[in-house]
Amino acid sequence: MNYKNHQIEVSVQCDPDSSGWMTDVFVTYHEHGKSVLESLRMDQTFATPDEAEQAGVEYAKKWIDDGKQPGKPGRDF
């Protein structure tokens, strides 16, 4: 999805250790004429794939809104 000129991609997979769903979040954007890819880490599992995906999207949006600090996600989960 596109959000404020950033491409957000969320991938979910089942966590075999907790039987919950884990989220990988990637944000691509352009800065100073270069394409930047950020991988945001979420240390939480979710009950359903839909919950995991929605949380990943919200996490990325918050990170963008908070100024995109590399290595510093927008919100702790």
Protein backbone atom coordinates (compact mmCIF):
# COMPACT_ATOMS: atom_id res chain seq x y z
CA MET A 1 0.00 0.00 0.00
CA ASN A 2 1.10 3.56 -0.57
CA TYR A 3 1.13 5.97 2.38
CA LYS A 4 2.57 9.50 2.11
CA ASN A 5 4.83 8.53 -0.82
CA HIS A 6 6.07 5.43 1.02
CA GLN A 7 5.38 1.88 -0.12
CA ILE A 8 4.39 -0.35 2.83
CA GLU A 9 4.62 -4.12 2.49
CA VAL A 10 3.55 -6.48 5.25
CA SER A 11 4.21 -10.20 5.34
CA VAL A 12 2.71 -12.53 7.95
CA GLN A 13 3.66 -16.06 8.90
CA CYS A 14 2.69 -18.51 11.60
CA ASP A 15 5.07 -18.64 14.58
CA PRO A 16 5.56 -22.34 15.34
CA ASP A 17 6.66 -21.59 18.92
CA SER A 18 3.54 -19.68 19.93
CA SER A 19 0.95 -20.69 17.31
CA GLY A 20 0.35 -16.97 16.77
CA TRP A 21 1.08 -14.87 13.70
CA MET A 22 4.26 -12.83 13.25
CA THR A 23 4.63 -9.75 11.06
CA ASP A 24 7.48 -8.53 8.87
CA VAL A 25 7.14 -4.90 7.81
CA PHE A 26 9.05 -3.24 4.95
CA VAL A 27 8.87 0.41 3.96
CA THR A 28 10.37 1.71 0.71
CA TYR A 29 10.78 5.42 -0.02
CA HIS A 30 13.02 7.84 -1.92
CA GLU A 31 15.40 10.17 -0.15
CA HIS A 32 18.16 12.32 -1.68
CA GLY A 33 17.60 10.68 -5.06
CA LYS A 34 18.04 7.14 -3.71
CA SER A 35 15.60 4.38 -2.95
CA VAL A 36 15.63 3.34 0.72
CA LEU A 37 14.29 0.07 2.13
CA GLU A 38 13.64 -0.14 5.87
CA SER A 39 12.79 -3.37 7.64
CA LEU A 40 10.80 -2.71 10.82
CA ARG A 41 10.84 -5.30 13.56
CA MET A 42 7.77 -6.16 15.59
CA ASP A 43 8.29 -8.39 18.62
CA GLN A 44 4.70 -9.47 19.04
CA THR A 45 2.50 -12.26 17.76
CA PHE A 46 -1.17 -11.93 16.87
CA ALA A 47 -4.16 -14.26 17.03
CA THR A 48 -5.03 -14.09 13.32
CA PRO A 49 -3.24 -13.25 10.06
CA ASP A 50 -5.59 -10.29 9.55
CA GLU A 51 -4.73 -8.84 12.97
CA ALA A 52 -1.02 -9.26 12.23
CA GLU A 53 -1.31 -7.56 8.85
CA GLN A 54 -3.34 -4.63 10.19
CA ALA A 55 -0.91 -4.13 13.09
CA GLY A 56 2.00 -4.12 10.62
CA VAL A 57 0.37 -1.43 8.48
CA GLU A 58 -0.39 0.74 11.52
CA TYR A 59 3.15 0.22 12.83
CA ALA A 60 4.64 1.41 9.51
CA LYS A 61 2.33 4.43 9.32
CA LYS A 62 3.29 5.47 12.86
CA TRP A 63 6.99 5.05 12.04
CA ILE A 64 6.56 7.28 8.95
CA ASP A 65 4.55 9.87 10.88
CA ASP A 66 7.17 9.94 13.66
CA GLY A 67 10.00 10.89 11.30
CA LYS A 68 11.40 7.60 9.94
CA GLN A 69 14.32 7.17 12.27
CA PRO A 70 16.42 4.23 10.97
CA GLY A 71 16.57 1.43 13.49
CA LYS A 72 13.96 3.18 15.61
CA PRO A 73 10.44 1.91 14.86
CA GLY A 74 7.50 4.20 15.38
CA ARG A 75 5.98 2.41 18.32
CA ASP A 76 6.84 -0.46 20.65
CA PHE A 77 4.55 -3.45 20.76
